[in-house]
Protein backbone atom coordinates (compact mmCIF):
# COMPACT_ATOMS: atom_id res chain seq x y z
CA UNK A 1 -0.02 -0.13 -0.10
CA UNK A 2 2.86 2.44 1.11
CA UNK A 3 4.23 2.22 -2.80
CA UNK A 4 1.09 3.49 -4.21
CA UNK A 5 0.78 6.42 -2.84
CA UNK A 6 3.83 7.66 -4.97
CA UNK A 7 3.41 11.24 -6.80
CA UNK A 8 0.06 11.13 -7.60
CA UNK A 9 -0.93 14.11 -5.93
CA UNK A 10 2.86 15.69 -5.88
CA UNK A 11 2.24 17.26 -9.52
CA UNK A 12 -1.29 18.84 -8.87
CA UNK A 13 -2.39 15.95 -11.56
CA UNK A 14 -6.34 16.39 -10.25
CA UNK A 15 -6.16 12.53 -9.52
CA UNK A 16 -6.32 10.24 -6.64
CA UNK A 17 -6.38 6.47 -5.82
CA UNK A 18 -9.20 4.88 -4.21
CA UNK A 19 -9.49 1.91 -2.48
CA UNK A 20 -12.30 0.03 -2.98
CA UNK A 21 -14.39 -1.87 -0.13
CA UNK A 22 -17.83 -3.41 0.36
CA UNK A 23 -20.56 -3.00 2.92
CA UNK A 24 -23.22 -5.62 2.35
CA UNK A 25 -23.68 -5.09 -1.54
CA UNK A 26 -23.22 -1.89 -1.24
CA UNK A 27 -19.64 -0.38 -2.91
CA UNK A 28 -17.68 2.70 -1.12
CA UNK A 29 -14.37 4.28 -1.30
CA UNK A 30 -11.54 5.49 0.47
CA UNK A 31 -8.61 7.88 -0.49
CA UNK A 32 -5.43 5.66 -0.76
CA UNK A 33 -3.31 8.45 0.88
CA UNK A 34 -5.50 8.01 3.96
CA UNK A 35 -4.44 4.21 4.23
CA UNK A 36 -1.74 2.90 6.32
CA UNK A 37 -2.67 -0.55 5.63
CA UNK A 38 -5.25 -3.22 4.95
CA UNK A 39 -5.10 -6.09 7.97
CA UNK A 40 -7.49 -9.15 8.65
CA UNK A 41 -9.39 -8.86 11.61
CA UNK A 42 -7.84 -9.39 14.87
CA UNK A 43 -9.23 -9.28 18.39
CA UNK A 44 -10.95 -6.69 19.87
CA UNK A 45 -10.89 -5.48 23.19
CA UNK A 46 -14.47 -4.12 23.91
CA UNK A 47 -14.72 -0.58 26.15
CA UNK A 48 -17.44 -0.16 28.67
CA UNK A 49 -20.23 2.70 27.50
CA UNK A 50 -18.72 3.06 23.87
CA UNK A 51 -20.39 4.92 21.12
CA UNK A 52 -22.35 2.60 19.23
CA UNK A 53 -20.17 2.69 16.32
CA UNK A 54 -16.83 1.82 18.05
CA UNK A 55 -16.82 -1.50 18.35
CA UNK A 56 -13.50 -1.89 20.63
CA UNK A 57 -9.58 -1.13 20.74
CA UNK A 58 -6.74 -3.08 19.22
CA UNK A 59 -3.19 -2.85 19.73
CA UNK A 60 -1.30 -2.74 16.11
CA UNK A 61 2.57 -2.60 16.67
CA UNK A 62 2.22 -0.98 20.31
CA UNK A 63 -0.08 1.30 19.47
CA UNK A 64 -3.79 1.29 20.61
CA UNK A 65 -6.53 2.06 17.94
CA UNK A 66 -10.32 2.75 18.11
CA UNK A 67 -12.01 0.42 15.81
CA UNK A 68 -15.11 1.78 14.04
CA UNK A 69 -17.55 -0.32 12.47
CA UNK A 70 -18.31 1.22 9.54
CA UNK A 71 -21.61 -0.80 8.95
CA UNK A 72 -23.07 0.64 12.10
CA UNK A 73 -21.83 4.40 11.25
CA UNK A 74 -23.31 4.38 7.59
CA UNK A 75 -27.16 2.01 9.39
CA UNK A 76 -26.64 -1.20 7.22
CA UNK A 77 -26.42 -4.85 8.97
CA UNK A 78 -23.94 -6.38 10.16
CA UNK A 79 -21.48 -8.72 7.90
CA UNK A 80 -23.24 -12.19 6.84
CA UNK A 81 -19.89 -13.07 6.02
CA UNK A 82 -17.62 -12.42 8.78
CA UNK A 83 -14.23 -14.36 7.69
CA UNK A 84 -14.12 -11.94 4.57
CA UNK A 85 -14.00 -8.76 6.61
CA UNK A 86 -11.08 -6.53 6.82
CA UNK A 87 -9.49 -3.53 8.98
CA UNK A 88 -8.31 -0.59 6.78
CA UNK A 89 -6.07 1.01 9.35
CA UNK A 90 -6.20 5.16 8.29
CA UNK A 91 -4.25 8.41 9.18
CA UNK A 92 -5.89 11.56 8.98
CA UNK A 93 -6.61 14.71 11.22
CA UNK A 94 -3.60 13.93 13.39
CA UNK A 95 -4.84 10.10 14.36
CA UNK A 96 -5.06 7.04 13.47
CA UNK A 97 -8.41 5.01 13.19
CA UNK A 98 -9.14 1.69 11.82
CA UNK A 99 -11.88 0.71 9.77
CA UNK A 100 -14.04 -2.25 9.86
CA UNK A 101 -15.27 -3.12 6.43
CA UNK A 102 -16.83 -6.57 4.97
CA UNK A 103 -14.63 -6.95 1.54
CA UNK A 104 -11.94 -5.09 0.19
CA UNK A 105 -11.49 -5.35 -3.61
CA UNK A 106 -9.49 -3.30 -5.78
CA UNK A 107 -7.54 0.03 -6.18
CA UNK A 108 -8.60 2.72 -8.79
CA UNK A 109 -7.16 5.20 -10.14
CA UNK A 110 -9.56 8.09 -11.32
CA UNK A 111 -9.72 11.62 -11.76
CA UNK A 112 -11.49 14.18 -9.25
CA UNK A 113 -13.69 15.37 -12.14
CA UNK A 114 -14.91 11.93 -12.67
CA UNK A 115 -16.70 12.34 -8.65
CA UNK A 116 -19.90 13.91 -8.67
CA UNK A 117 -21.43 15.60 -5.99
CA UNK A 118 -24.54 13.39 -4.22
CA UNK A 119 -27.80 15.68 -4.88
CA UNK A 120 -29.73 17.12 -2.01
CA UNK A 121 -32.91 14.85 -3.40
CA UNK A 122 -31.32 11.26 -2.59
CA UNK A 123 -29.22 12.51 0.58
CA UNK A 124 -30.10 13.84 3.67
CA UNK A 125 -27.53 16.75 5.39
CA UNK A 126 -26.44 13.71 7.91
CA UNK A 127 -25.20 12.20 5.40
CA UNK A 128 -21.55 10.31 5.09
CA UNK A 129 -21.69 10.20 0.90
CA UNK A 130 -19.26 13.37 -0.25
CA UNK A 131 -18.86 12.28 -3.94
CA UNK A 132 -20.34 9.29 -6.61
CA UNK A 133 -18.13 7.84 -9.22
CA UNK A 134 -19.69 6.10 -11.81
CA UNK A 135 -17.87 3.14 -13.13
CA UNK A 136 -18.05 0.16 -15.37
CA UNK A 137 -22.21 -0.26 -14.81
CA UNK A 138 -21.97 0.26 -11.13
CA UNK A 139 -21.57 3.39 -8.42
CA UNK A 140 -18.77 3.81 -5.60
CA UNK A 141 -19.60 6.03 -2.67
CA UNK A 142 -17.07 8.01 -1.62
CA UNK A 143 -17.46 8.59 2.10
CA UNK A 144 -16.25 11.57 4.67
CA UNK A 145 -14.92 9.40 7.20
CA UNK A 146 -13.74 12.52 9.20
CA UNK A 147 -17.70 13.31 9.75
CA UNK A 148 -17.71 9.54 10.66
CA UNK A 149 -15.25 9.93 13.44
CA UNK A 150 -16.55 13.59 14.49
CA UNK A 151 -19.51 12.29 15.12
CA UNK A 152 -18.18 9.78 17.10
CA UNK A 153 -15.53 12.13 19.35
CA UNK A 154 -16.60 15.87 18.39
CA UNK A 155 -13.33 16.85 19.58
CA UNK A 156 -11.67 15.75 16.91
CA UNK A 157 -13.33 18.43 14.92
CA UNK A 158 -13.36 22.22 14.48
CA UNK A 159 -13.61 24.33 17.77
CA UNK A 160 -14.78 27.46 17.82
CA UNK A 161 -13.20 28.03 21.24
CA UNK A 162 -9.78 27.69 20.05
CA UNK A 163 -10.62 31.04 17.51
CA UNK A 164 -11.95 32.79 20.86
CA UNK A 165 -8.70 32.39 22.94
CA UNK A 166 -7.04 34.52 20.19
CA UNK A 167 -9.48 37.33 22.13
CA UNK A 168 -11.23 40.78 20.68
CA UNK A 169 -9.97 41.42 16.53
CA UNK A 170 -10.80 43.14 13.81
CA UNK A 171 -10.98 41.90 10.34
CA UNK A 172 -14.01 42.74 8.68
CA UNK A 173 -12.45 44.69 5.62
CA UNK A 174 -10.38 41.08 4.58
CA UNK A 175 -12.12 39.27 2.43
CA UNK A 176 -11.30 35.30 2.24
CA UNK A 177 -12.44 32.48 -0.64
CA UNK A 178 -13.27 28.97 0.98
CA UNK A 179 -13.09 25.66 -0.93
CA UNK A 180 -14.61 22.91 0.94
CA UNK A 181 -16.98 20.31 0.05
CA UNK A 182 -18.26 19.30 3.08
CA UNK A 183 -21.32 21.32 4.05
CA UNK A 184 -20.50 20.70 7.83
CA UNK A 185 -17.52 22.05 7.44
CA UNK A 186 -18.41 24.92 5.17
CA UNK A 187 -20.65 25.98 8.26
CA UNK A 188 -17.82 25.36 10.98
CA UNK A 189 -15.70 27.68 8.95
CA UNK A 190 -18.31 29.97 8.60
CA UNK A 191 -18.90 30.77 12.23
CA UNK A 192 -15.33 30.33 13.51
CA UNK A 193 -13.81 32.83 10.61
CA UNK A 194 -16.81 34.99 12.07
CA UNK A 195 -15.70 34.82 15.82
CA UNK A 196 -12.19 35.74 14.48
CA UNK A 197 -13.73 38.68 12.43
CA UNK A 198 -13.70 37.39 8.92
CA UNK A 199 -17.27 38.68 8.03
CA UNK A 200 -16.26 38.39 3.82
CA UNK A 201 -15.96 34.95 3.19
CA UNK A 202 -17.11 33.54 0.10
CA UNK A 203 -17.53 29.33 0.08
CA UNK A 204 -17.40 27.39 -3.21
CA UNK A 205 -18.00 23.43 -2.59
CA UNK A 206 -15.19 22.58 -5.38
CA UNK A 207 -11.82 23.89 -6.66
CA UNK A 208 -13.01 24.28 -9.80
CA UNK A 209 -15.72 26.57 -8.84
CA UNK A 210 -13.49 28.62 -6.59
CA UNK A 211 -11.05 28.74 -10.01
CA UNK A 212 -13.71 30.18 -11.98
CA UNK A 213 -14.70 32.99 -9.64
CA UNK A 214 -11.14 34.29 -9.10
CA UNK A 215 -10.52 33.94 -13.10
CA UNK A 216 -13.78 35.98 -13.44
CA UNK A 217 -12.30 38.50 -11.01
CA UNK A 218 -9.43 38.91 -13.33
CA UNK A 219 -11.54 38.74 -16.14
CA UNK A 220 -13.52 41.44 -15.00
CA UNK A 221 -9.87 43.69 -15.40
CA UNK A 222 -9.53 43.71 -11.35
CA UNK A 223 -6.21 42.89 -9.55
CA UNK A 224 -7.25 39.62 -7.93
CA UNK A 225 -5.53 40.79 -4.57
CA UNK A 226 -7.49 43.56 -4.77
CA UNK A 227 -10.32 42.25 -4.39
CA UNK A 228 -9.47 38.79 -2.24
CA UNK A 229 -6.75 38.83 0.28
CA UNK A 230 -6.35 35.07 0.85
CA UNK A 231 -7.81 31.63 -0.54
CA UNK A 232 -8.08 28.92 1.77
CA UNK A 233 -8.39 25.08 0.21
CA UNK A 234 -9.37 21.69 0.98
CA UNK A 235 -7.39 18.88 -0.70
CA UNK A 236 -10.38 16.39 -1.43
CA UNK A 237 -13.23 17.84 -3.16
CA UNK A 238 -15.18 16.69 -6.59
CA UNK A 239 -14.36 18.15 -9.96
CA UNK A 240 -10.90 19.49 -8.90
CA UNK A 241 -8.51 19.06 -5.45
CA UNK A 242 -6.90 21.24 -3.42
CA UNK A 243 -3.58 20.79 -5.12
CA UNK A 244 -4.27 20.97 -8.56
CA UNK A 245 -6.41 24.38 -7.51
CA UNK A 246 -3.24 25.51 -5.82
CA UNK A 247 -1.00 24.42 -9.38
CA UNK A 248 -3.66 26.35 -11.38
CA UNK A 249 -3.55 29.64 -9.03
CA UNK A 250 0.24 29.42 -9.08
CA UNK A 251 0.74 29.24 -12.57
CA UNK A 252 -1.39 31.74 -13.24
CA UNK A 253 0.53 34.70 -13.72
CA UNK A 254 -2.68 37.18 -12.69
CA UNK A 255 -3.34 35.05 -9.35
CA UNK A 256 -0.35 33.98 -8.60
CA UNK A 257 0.23 36.22 -6.15
CA UNK A 258 -3.01 35.39 -3.51
CA UNK A 259 -1.71 33.57 -0.75
CA UNK A 260 -3.04 29.81 -0.60
CA UNK A 261 -3.28 27.90 2.62
CA UNK A 262 -4.15 24.11 2.05
CA UNK A 263 -6.39 23.67 5.62
CA UNK A 264 -6.74 19.60 4.89
CA UNK A 265 -6.89 16.26 7.17
CA UNK A 266 -4.21 15.28 4.83
CA UNK A 267 -1.42 17.47 6.19
CA UNK A 268 1.20 15.16 7.71
CA UNK A 269 4.83 15.04 7.85
CA UNK A 270 5.04 12.53 4.79
CA UNK A 271 2.66 14.59 2.84
CA UNK A 272 3.36 18.18 3.70
CA UNK A 273 5.99 17.76 0.42
CA UNK A 274 2.77 17.77 -1.77
CA UNK A 275 1.37 20.97 -1.09
CA UNK A 276 5.08 22.33 -1.32
CA UNK A 277 5.55 21.00 -4.80
CA UNK A 278 2.47 22.98 -6.20
CA UNK A 279 3.32 26.34 -4.29
CA UNK A 280 1.23 26.53 -1.11
CA UNK A 281 1.72 29.16 0.83
CA UNK A 282 0.91 27.56 4.14
CA UNK A 283 -0.65 23.78 5.45
CA UNK A 284 -2.73 23.23 8.16
CA UNK A 285 -4.40 20.11 9.50
CA UNK A 286 -7.51 19.89 10.39
CA UNK A 287 -9.07 20.65 12.94
CA UNK A 288 -6.67 23.30 14.36
CA UNK A 289 -8.61 26.18 13.39
CA UNK A 290 -6.72 28.57 15.70
CA UNK A 291 -3.63 27.57 13.52
CA UNK A 292 -5.59 28.79 10.54
CA UNK A 293 -6.28 31.97 12.08
CA UNK A 294 -3.05 32.85 12.75
CA UNK A 295 -1.35 31.83 9.32
CA UNK A 296 -3.90 34.12 7.72
CA UNK A 297 -3.00 36.95 9.86
CA UNK A 298 0.65 36.10 8.85
CA UNK A 299 -0.15 36.26 4.90
CA UNK A 300 -2.95 39.40 4.77
CA UNK A 301 -1.48 41.97 7.05
């Protein structure tokens, strides 16, 4: 699995690899970059009064890791063939989690523009699906694993209290653009940035829409940094990911001076070089919102 993480995002190719797995008869996907390894199930130690989606804990190479039952998190029945079950050991948001799935089938290399945003018509506000991939006459649903974890442990998410500790601030004349596909995180970022004094924030659901907006500013004859002071982008987004968005901005003479901060669960010591390769001005791991605000200040003063 380590070799498969190669240089896919290094040059901002707008591509990713996903591990396809199943829950019942349904197919789902997780970004390979999140996956440390895939193992056969091992003995689980149950924890009293644990969240219903947490099966317990396991020890793996000296680390104690929580095991999340993905079927329970999605409201699906338990496995009918437990001998085929797999544990996906994942790392994001500076934490490791084991996801218990029913089978792991294969790895696909795809482009982010092949991933469609789920329609509000068939998914509610509480859905954990962030993208739909149509492949070989079937559909693979890309899951929001960060949301699954935050629902279990809200403290692992963005916390407005971190920003309140920064004290009274006046930033209302600064205009920011944010590219973030998760409705939950857009709401949290809206509230926390407002608490930090940033009241002029334009949100976009993916990198493509954000880039089109920036290009429209330039095409109107305005200097982009006169209108927008900074852009914040996630990495994993349908249509155009944050690395490709950053690369397109930094390669465009009219946009290159716009500061770009990547704010993502995928910011780790092993992966930071990918953001550096595409010219990001800063990279902050979710959910470190106070650190994000301090870096915004640094780049717009």
